[in-house]
Amino acid sequence: MALYTLSDTHLSFQTEKPMDIFGSRWQNHAEKLAKAWQALVTEEDTVVIPGDITWAMTLDEAVEDFKYLSSLPGKKIIGKGNHDYWWQTRKKVEDFFAAHKFDDLTLLYGDALRVEDKIICGTRGWYNDDVSPRECDYQKIVNREAGRLRRSLEAGKTLGQGEMIAFLHFPPVFGDFVCRELLDVLHEFGITRVYFGHIHGIYNLPAHFEFESIRFTLVAADYLNFVPLRVF
């Protein structure tokens, strides 16, 4: 079994939100993603998608988007992004998945999951303080996300031995921005690998960068040209 990751699928089968307004790389991106996914991922594999799954505002609007994901090979672990307005309580989402027989879709939300000998943890994170929406209490949200990350990593500790790998939607470190609250939690639990999305339209960035002995990897779908990245 292999583990792959790719963030920011930004699906819109029911919501008519074309992504090619953000650049030519996004043209027919769902078809590109399906072709690359099917060439790499088997039914025994797992793919982590850390946020911005669909433009749908409600679960009912997201049915076709989740049907598309469910039709692709492998198990999918889904995290929350800033555009996942459909996201509700765990019970409501899990009941929705069960009702539609999306048995291969699992939430990553305040918990952790074991995949082979690795443990998958994570949270959404938040914008850097310079571009955080004005109406939001930046510090309150960051503290909440740090708490959610801590709960996820604590849950990971209960799953036995194995490397814990963190998947976030927002990068906790990017350029001059450092979210110390999230970074401190990552250090506390000895995390050395973080995968993140959210960053779009910048394709000359390095595939990885290191900060304070943590390796950060950008896995936004357009950055990867819609080819899932193998984690192990």
C-alpha atoms as a PDB file:
ATOM      1  CA  MET A   1       0.000   0.000   0.000  1.00  0.00           C
ATOM      2  CA  ALA A   2       1.273   3.469  -0.916  1.00  0.00           C
ATOM      3  CA  LEU A   3       0.316   6.872   0.469  1.00  0.00           C
ATOM      4  CA  TYR A   4      -0.159   9.851  -1.848  1.00  0.00           C
ATOM      5  CA  THR A   5      -1.242  13.424  -1.262  1.00  0.00           C
ATOM      6  CA  LEU A   6      -2.636  16.299  -3.298  1.00  0.00           C
ATOM      7  CA  SER A   7      -4.517  19.343  -2.030  1.00  0.00           C
ATOM      8  CA  ASP A   8      -6.965  21.893  -3.449  1.00  0.00           C
ATOM      9  CA  THR A   9      -8.957  19.832  -5.929  1.00  0.00           C
ATOM     10  CA  HIS A  10     -11.481  22.728  -6.123  1.00  0.00           C
ATOM     11  CA  LEU A  11     -14.183  20.606  -7.728  1.00  0.00           C
ATOM     12  CA  SER A  12     -17.369  22.248  -9.019  1.00  0.00           C
ATOM     13  CA  PHE A  13     -19.498  19.740 -10.906  1.00  0.00           C
ATOM     14  CA  GLN A  14     -22.716  21.250  -9.500  1.00  0.00           C
ATOM     15  CA  THR A  15     -21.646  24.800  -8.687  1.00  0.00           C
ATOM     16  CA  GLU A  16     -20.341  26.016 -12.058  1.00  0.00           C
ATOM     17  CA  LYS A  17     -17.135  27.553 -10.735  1.00  0.00           C
ATOM     18  CA  PRO A  18     -14.590  27.188 -13.556  1.00  0.00           C
ATOM     19  CA  MET A  19     -11.014  27.224 -12.310  1.00  0.00           C
ATOM     20  CA  ASP A  20      -9.395  28.171 -15.608  1.00  0.00           C
ATOM     21  CA  ILE A  21     -10.011  31.832 -14.735  1.00  0.00           C
ATOM     22  CA  PHE A  22      -6.978  31.318 -12.478  1.00  0.00           C
ATOM     23  CA  GLY A  23      -4.717  30.301 -15.353  1.00  0.00           C
ATOM     24  CA  SER A  24      -4.372  27.882 -18.242  1.00  0.00           C
ATOM     25  CA  ARG A  25      -2.968  25.142 -16.015  1.00  0.00           C
ATOM     26  CA  TRP A  26      -6.469  24.776 -14.544  1.00  0.00           C
ATOM     27  CA  GLN A  27      -8.138  24.005 -17.884  1.00  0.00           C
ATOM     28  CA  ASN A  28      -9.977  20.667 -17.646  1.00  0.00           C
ATOM     29  CA  HIS A  29      -8.287  20.082 -14.311  1.00  0.00           C
ATOM     30  CA  ALA A  30     -10.729  17.400 -13.143  1.00  0.00           C
ATOM     31  CA  GLU A  31      -9.971  15.341 -16.248  1.00  0.00           C
ATOM     32  CA  LYS A  32      -6.228  15.854 -15.793  1.00  0.00           C
ATOM     33  CA  LEU A  33      -6.444  14.818 -12.156  1.00  0.00           C
ATOM     34  CA  ALA A  34      -8.483  11.696 -12.900  1.00  0.00           C
ATOM     35  CA  LYS A  35      -6.059  10.574 -15.611  1.00  0.00           C
ATOM     36  CA  ALA A  36      -2.968  11.062 -13.411  1.00  0.00           C
ATOM     37  CA  TRP A  37      -4.657   9.550 -10.355  1.00  0.00           C
ATOM     38  CA  GLN A  38      -5.784   6.433 -12.202  1.00  0.00           C
ATOM     39  CA  ALA A  39      -2.287   5.933 -13.604  1.00  0.00           C
ATOM     40  CA  LEU A  40      -0.697   5.975 -10.133  1.00  0.00           C
ATOM     41  CA  VAL A  41      -3.121   5.054  -7.386  1.00  0.00           C
ATOM     42  CA  THR A  42      -4.453   1.537  -6.806  1.00  0.00           C
ATOM     43  CA  GLU A  43      -7.434   0.429  -4.741  1.00  0.00           C
ATOM     44  CA  GLU A  44      -5.034  -0.578  -1.952  1.00  0.00           C
ATOM     45  CA  ASP A  45      -3.506   2.925  -1.726  1.00  0.00           C
ATOM     46  CA  THR A  46      -4.546   6.006   0.264  1.00  0.00           C
ATOM     47  CA  VAL A  47      -4.607   9.671  -0.801  1.00  0.00           C
ATOM     48  CA  VAL A  48      -4.657  12.552   1.684  1.00  0.00           C
ATOM     49  CA  ILE A  49      -6.424  15.692   0.404  1.00  0.00           C
ATOM     50  CA  PRO A  50      -5.736  18.501   2.907  1.00  0.00           C
ATOM     51  CA  GLY A  51      -8.481  20.950   2.066  1.00  0.00           C
ATOM     52  CA  ASP A  52     -10.343  22.964  -0.560  1.00  0.00           C
ATOM     53  CA  ILE A  53     -12.056  19.874  -1.856  1.00  0.00           C
ATOM     54  CA  THR A  54     -15.051  21.514  -3.533  1.00  0.00           C
ATOM     55  CA  TRP A  55     -16.580  24.934  -4.139  1.00  0.00           C
ATOM     56  CA  ALA A  56     -19.959  23.632  -2.944  1.00  0.00           C
ATOM     57  CA  MET A  57     -21.613  25.653  -0.193  1.00  0.00           C
ATOM     58  CA  THR A  58     -23.620  22.704   1.170  1.00  0.00           C
ATOM     59  CA  LEU A  59     -23.290  18.937   1.299  1.00  0.00           C
ATOM     60  CA  ASP A  60     -26.158  18.539  -1.151  1.00  0.00           C
ATOM     61  CA  GLU A  61     -24.323  20.765  -3.631  1.00  0.00           C
ATOM     62  CA  ALA A  62     -21.225  18.602  -3.199  1.00  0.00           C
ATOM     63  CA  VAL A  63     -22.768  15.246  -4.138  1.00  0.00           C
ATOM     64  CA  GLU A  64     -21.316  15.116  -7.654  1.00  0.00           C
ATOM     65  CA  ASP A  65     -17.910  16.294  -6.436  1.00  0.00           C
ATOM     66  CA  PHE A  66     -17.707  13.558  -3.830  1.00  0.00           C
ATOM     67  CA  LYS A  67     -19.066  11.040  -6.332  1.00  0.00           C
ATOM     68  CA  TYR A  68     -16.150  11.969  -8.596  1.00  0.00           C
ATOM     69  CA  LEU A  69     -13.623  11.503  -5.783  1.00  0.00           C
ATOM     70  CA  SER A  70     -15.203   8.247  -4.700  1.00  0.00           C
ATOM     71  CA  SER A  71     -14.982   6.913  -8.257  1.00  0.00           C
ATOM     72  CA  LEU A  72     -11.193   7.255  -8.201  1.00  0.00           C
ATOM     73  CA  PRO A  73      -9.075   4.361  -6.902  1.00  0.00           C
ATOM     74  CA  GLY A  74      -8.011   4.078  -3.278  1.00  0.00           C
ATOM     75  CA  LYS A  75      -9.076   5.453   0.068  1.00  0.00           C
ATOM     76  CA  LYS A  76      -9.273   9.223   0.542  1.00  0.00           C
ATOM     77  CA  ILE A  77      -8.540  11.099   3.759  1.00  0.00           C
ATOM     78  CA  ILE A  78     -10.053  14.572   3.605  1.00  0.00           C
ATOM     79  CA  GLY A  79      -8.946  17.620   5.588  1.00  0.00           C
ATOM     80  CA  LYS A  80     -10.600  21.039   5.797  1.00  0.00           C
ATOM     81  CA  GLY A  81      -9.599  24.074   3.741  1.00  0.00           C
ATOM     82  CA  ASN A  82     -10.673  27.682   3.821  1.00  0.00           C
ATOM     83  CA  HIS A  83     -13.121  27.175   0.934  1.00  0.00           C
ATOM     84  CA  ASP A  84     -14.815  24.050   2.310  1.00  0.00           C
ATOM     85  CA  TYR A  85     -18.039  25.821   3.251  1.00  0.00           C
ATOM     86  CA  TRP A  86     -19.942  22.526   2.983  1.00  0.00           C
ATOM     87  CA  TRP A  87     -18.088  21.236   6.052  1.00  0.00           C
ATOM     88  CA  GLN A  88     -20.418  20.573   8.996  1.00  0.00           C
ATOM     89  CA  THR A  89     -20.220  18.480  12.146  1.00  0.00           C
ATOM     90  CA  ARG A  90     -18.405  15.169  11.861  1.00  0.00           C
ATOM     91  CA  LYS A  91     -21.683  13.279  12.346  1.00  0.00           C
ATOM     92  CA  LYS A  92     -23.489  15.189   9.602  1.00  0.00           C
ATOM     93  CA  VAL A  93     -20.675  14.659   7.119  1.00  0.00           C
ATOM     94  CA  GLU A  94     -20.217  11.005   8.006  1.00  0.00           C
ATOM     95  CA  ASP A  95     -23.981  10.410   7.788  1.00  0.00           C
ATOM     96  CA  PHE A  96     -23.911  12.086   4.361  1.00  0.00           C
ATOM     97  CA  PHE A  97     -21.029   9.873   3.225  1.00  0.00           C
ATOM     98  CA  ALA A  98     -22.846   6.775   4.503  1.00  0.00           C
ATOM     99  CA  ALA A  99     -26.135   7.734   2.833  1.00  0.00           C
ATOM    100  CA  HIS A 100     -24.397   8.100  -0.516  1.00  0.00           C
ATOM    101  CA  LYS A 101     -22.192   5.028   0.004  1.00  0.00           C
ATOM    102  CA  PHE A 102     -18.973   7.052  -0.136  1.00  0.00           C
ATOM    103  CA  ASP A 103     -17.289   4.355   1.922  1.00  0.00           C
ATOM    104  CA  ASP A 104     -13.804   5.290   0.742  1.00  0.00           C
ATOM    105  CA  LEU A 105     -13.966   8.875   2.117  1.00  0.00           C
ATOM    106  CA  THR A 106     -12.757   9.599   5.659  1.00  0.00           C
ATOM    107  CA  LEU A 107     -12.459  12.906   7.508  1.00  0.00           C
ATOM    108  CA  LEU A 108      -9.274  14.083   9.210  1.00  0.00           C
ATOM    109  CA  TYR A 109     -10.679  16.360  11.897  1.00  0.00           C
ATOM    110  CA  GLY A 110      -9.271  16.489  15.401  1.00  0.00           C
ATOM    111  CA  ASP A 111      -8.105  12.906  15.170  1.00  0.00           C
ATOM    112  CA  ALA A 112      -5.463  10.752  13.506  1.00  0.00           C
ATOM    113  CA  LEU A 113      -5.416   7.719  11.240  1.00  0.00           C
ATOM    114  CA  ARG A 114      -2.896   4.957  10.729  1.00  0.00           C
ATOM    115  CA  VAL A 115      -1.816   4.098   7.191  1.00  0.00           C
ATOM    116  CA  GLU A 116       0.561   1.151   7.214  1.00  0.00           C
ATOM    117  CA  ASP A 117       3.358   2.108   9.642  1.00  0.00           C
ATOM    118  CA  LYS A 118       2.702   5.867   9.428  1.00  0.00           C
ATOM    119  CA  ILE A 119       0.228   8.017  11.345  1.00  0.00           C
ATOM    120  CA  ILE A 120      -1.666  10.772   9.543  1.00  0.00           C
ATOM    121  CA  CYS A 121      -2.414  13.918  11.552  1.00  0.00           C
ATOM    122  CA  GLY A 122      -3.292  17.508  10.796  1.00  0.00           C
ATOM    123  CA  THR A 123      -5.574  20.523  10.855  1.00  0.00           C
ATOM    124  CA  ARG A 124      -6.563  23.422   8.597  1.00  0.00           C
ATOM    125  CA  GLY A 125      -4.256  26.134   9.945  1.00  0.00           C
ATOM    126  CA  TRP A 126      -4.878  29.761   9.024  1.00  0.00           C
ATOM    127  CA  TYR A 127      -3.771  32.681   6.853  1.00  0.00           C
ATOM    128  CA  ASN A 128      -0.733  34.689   7.822  1.00  0.00           C
ATOM    129  CA  ASP A 129      -1.606  37.725   9.910  1.00  0.00           C
ATOM    130  CA  ASP A 130      -0.959  40.203   7.063  1.00  0.00           C
ATOM    131  CA  VAL A 131      -3.675  38.781   4.804  1.00  0.00           C
ATOM    132  CA  SER A 132      -6.064  37.312   7.379  1.00  0.00           C
ATOM    133  CA  PRO A 133      -9.627  38.568   6.751  1.00  0.00           C
ATOM    134  CA  ARG A 134     -10.162  41.807   8.659  1.00  0.00           C
ATOM    135  CA  GLU A 135     -13.372  40.665  10.292  1.00  0.00           C
ATOM    136  CA  CYS A 136     -11.621  37.676  11.890  1.00  0.00           C
ATOM    137  CA  ASP A 137      -9.849  37.496  15.229  1.00  0.00           C
ATOM    138  CA  TYR A 138      -6.508  36.217  13.948  1.00  0.00           C
ATOM    139  CA  GLN A 139      -5.108  35.175  17.331  1.00  0.00           C
ATOM    140  CA  LYS A 140      -8.286  33.413  18.400  1.00  0.00           C
ATOM    141  CA  ILE A 141      -8.399  31.362  15.208  1.00  0.00           C
ATOM    142  CA  VAL A 142      -4.695  30.491  15.331  1.00  0.00           C
ATOM    143  CA  ASN A 143      -4.975  29.376  18.954  1.00  0.00           C
ATOM    144  CA  ARG A 144      -7.953  27.219  18.042  1.00  0.00           C
ATOM    145  CA  GLU A 145      -6.071  25.642  15.133  1.00  0.00           C
ATOM    146  CA  ALA A 146      -3.059  24.987  17.357  1.00  0.00           C
ATOM    147  CA  GLY A 147      -5.405  23.235  19.779  1.00  0.00           C
ATOM    148  CA  ARG A 148      -6.872  21.132  16.997  1.00  0.00           C
ATOM    149  CA  LEU A 149      -3.410  20.188  15.780  1.00  0.00           C
ATOM    150  CA  ARG A 150      -2.445  19.215  19.304  1.00  0.00           C
ATOM    151  CA  ARG A 151      -5.547  17.005  19.643  1.00  0.00           C
ATOM    152  CA  SER A 152      -4.755  15.341  16.337  1.00  0.00           C
ATOM    153  CA  LEU A 153      -1.175  14.633  17.346  1.00  0.00           C
ATOM    154  CA  GLU A 154      -2.234  13.423  20.776  1.00  0.00           C
ATOM    155  CA  ALA A 155      -4.658  11.048  19.049  1.00  0.00           C
ATOM    156  CA  GLY A 156      -1.794   9.916  16.861  1.00  0.00           C
ATOM    157  CA  LYS A 157       0.246   9.008  19.931  1.00  0.00           C
ATOM    158  CA  THR A 158      -2.474   6.538  20.959  1.00  0.00           C
ATOM    159  CA  LEU A 159      -2.145   4.619  17.682  1.00  0.00           C
ATOM    160  CA  GLY A 160       1.167   3.018  18.552  1.00  0.00           C
ATOM    161  CA  GLN A 161       4.607   3.292  17.041  1.00  0.00           C
ATOM    162  CA  GLY A 162       5.200   4.979  13.730  1.00  0.00           C
ATOM    163  CA  GLU A 163       6.211   8.277  12.192  1.00  0.00           C
ATOM    164  CA  MET A 164       3.553  10.949  12.561  1.00  0.00           C
ATOM    165  CA  ILE A 165       3.181  13.057   9.402  1.00  0.00           C
ATOM    166  CA  ALA A 166       1.246  16.335   9.473  1.00  0.00           C
ATOM    167  CA  PHE A 167      -1.047  17.542   6.690  1.00  0.00           C
ATOM    168  CA  LEU A 168      -2.298  21.136   6.855  1.00  0.00           C
ATOM    169  CA  HIS A 169      -4.170  23.280   4.388  1.00  0.00           C
ATOM    170  CA  PHE A 170      -2.357  26.541   5.169  1.00  0.00           C
ATOM    171  CA  PRO A 171       1.440  26.528   5.454  1.00  0.00           C
ATOM    172  CA  PRO A 172       2.554  27.325   9.014  1.00  0.00           C
ATOM    173  CA  VAL A 173       5.780  28.694   7.513  1.00  0.00           C
ATOM    174  CA  PHE A 174       5.967  30.501   4.177  1.00  0.00           C
ATOM    175  CA  GLY A 175       8.348  33.244   3.112  1.00  0.00           C
ATOM    176  CA  ASP A 176       8.806  35.596   6.045  1.00  0.00           C
ATOM    177  CA  PHE A 177       5.693  34.294   7.816  1.00  0.00           C
ATOM    178  CA  VAL A 178       6.074  31.918  10.756  1.00  0.00           C
ATOM    179  CA  CYS A 179       3.052  30.782  12.750  1.00  0.00           C
ATOM    180  CA  ARG A 180       4.868  30.113  15.987  1.00  0.00           C
ATOM    181  CA  GLU A 181       1.806  28.645  17.701  1.00  0.00           C
ATOM    182  CA  LEU A 182       1.492  25.845  15.136  1.00  0.00           C
ATOM    183  CA  LEU A 183       5.234  25.412  14.749  1.00  0.00           C
ATOM    184  CA  ASP A 184       5.697  24.951  18.492  1.00  0.00           C
ATOM    185  CA  VAL A 185       3.115  22.148  18.517  1.00  0.00           C
ATOM    186  CA  LEU A 186       4.843  20.425  15.607  1.00  0.00           C
ATOM    187  CA  HIS A 187       8.160  20.601  17.476  1.00  0.00           C
ATOM    188  CA  GLU A 188       6.611  19.348  20.703  1.00  0.00           C
ATOM    189  CA  PHE A 189       5.512  16.140  18.990  1.00  0.00           C
ATOM    190  CA  GLY A 190       8.693  15.681  16.993  1.00  0.00           C
ATOM    191  CA  ILE A 191       7.117  16.181  13.556  1.00  0.00           C
ATOM    192  CA  THR A 192       9.705  16.314  10.772  1.00  0.00           C
ATOM    193  CA  ARG A 193       7.435  16.211   7.699  1.00  0.00           C
ATOM    194  CA  VAL A 194       4.596  18.614   6.875  1.00  0.00           C
ATOM    195  CA  TYR A 195       2.559  18.683   3.646  1.00  0.00           C
ATOM    196  CA  PHE A 196       0.435  21.737   2.822  1.00  0.00           C
ATOM    197  CA  GLY A 197      -1.679  23.286   0.063  1.00  0.00           C
ATOM    198  CA  HIS A 198      -3.435  26.635  -0.425  1.00  0.00           C
ATOM    199  CA  ILE A 199      -0.649  28.320  -2.443  1.00  0.00           C
ATOM    200  CA  HIS A 200      -1.680  28.710  -6.087  1.00  0.00           C
ATOM    201  CA  GLY A 201      -0.259  30.165  -9.267  1.00  0.00           C
ATOM    202  CA  ILE A 202       3.406  30.144  -8.183  1.00  0.00           C
ATOM    203  CA  TYR A 203       5.195  27.350 -10.012  1.00  0.00           C
ATOM    204  CA  ASN A 204       8.849  28.241  -9.572  1.00  0.00           C
ATOM    205  CA  LEU A 205       8.918  27.416  -5.859  1.00  0.00           C
ATOM    206  CA  PRO A 206      11.168  24.595  -4.648  1.00  0.00           C
ATOM    207  CA  ALA A 207       9.415  21.282  -4.135  1.00  0.00           C
ATOM    208  CA  HIS A 208      10.531  21.258  -0.493  1.00  0.00           C
ATOM    209  CA  PHE A 209      12.048  23.594   2.029  1.00  0.00           C
ATOM    210  CA  GLU A 210      13.334  23.087   5.557  1.00  0.00           C
ATOM    211  CA  PHE A 211      12.707  25.272   8.555  1.00  0.00           C
ATOM    212  CA  GLU A 212      13.902  24.417  12.072  1.00  0.00           C
ATOM    213  CA  SER A 213      14.537  20.794  11.033  1.00  0.00           C
ATOM    214  CA  ILE A 214      11.035  20.314   9.607  1.00  0.00           C
ATOM    215  CA  ARG A 215      10.646  19.539   5.916  1.00  0.00           C
ATOM    216  CA  PHE A 216       7.711  21.362   4.321  1.00  0.00           C
ATOM    217  CA  THR A 217       6.247  20.244   0.982  1.00  0.00           C
ATOM    218  CA  LEU A 218       3.741  22.130  -1.150  1.00  0.00           C
ATOM    219  CA  VAL A 219       1.108  19.797  -2.615  1.00  0.00           C
ATOM    220  CA  ALA A 220      -1.476  22.190  -4.102  1.00  0.00           C
ATOM    221  CA  ALA A 221      -2.971  20.447  -7.118  1.00  0.00           C
ATOM    222  CA  ASP A 222      -1.950  23.041  -9.688  1.00  0.00           C
ATOM    223  CA  TYR A 223       1.614  23.158  -8.340  1.00  0.00           C
ATOM    224  CA  LEU A 224       1.814  19.365  -8.804  1.00  0.00           C
ATOM    225  CA  ASN A 225       0.187  19.708 -12.245  1.00  0.00           C
ATOM    226  CA  PHE A 226      -2.614  17.509 -10.858  1.00  0.00           C
ATOM    227  CA  VAL A 227      -0.379  14.481 -10.276  1.00  0.00           C
ATOM    228  CA  PRO A 228      -0.694  13.051  -6.742  1.00  0.00           C
ATOM    229  CA  LEU A 229       2.618  13.093  -4.869  1.00  0.00           C
ATOM    230  CA  ARG A 230       3.790   9.852  -3.299  1.00  0.00           C
ATOM    231  CA  VAL A 231       4.602  10.194   0.406  1.00  0.00           C
ATOM    232  CA  PHE A 232       5.789   6.603   0.832  1.00  0.00           C
END
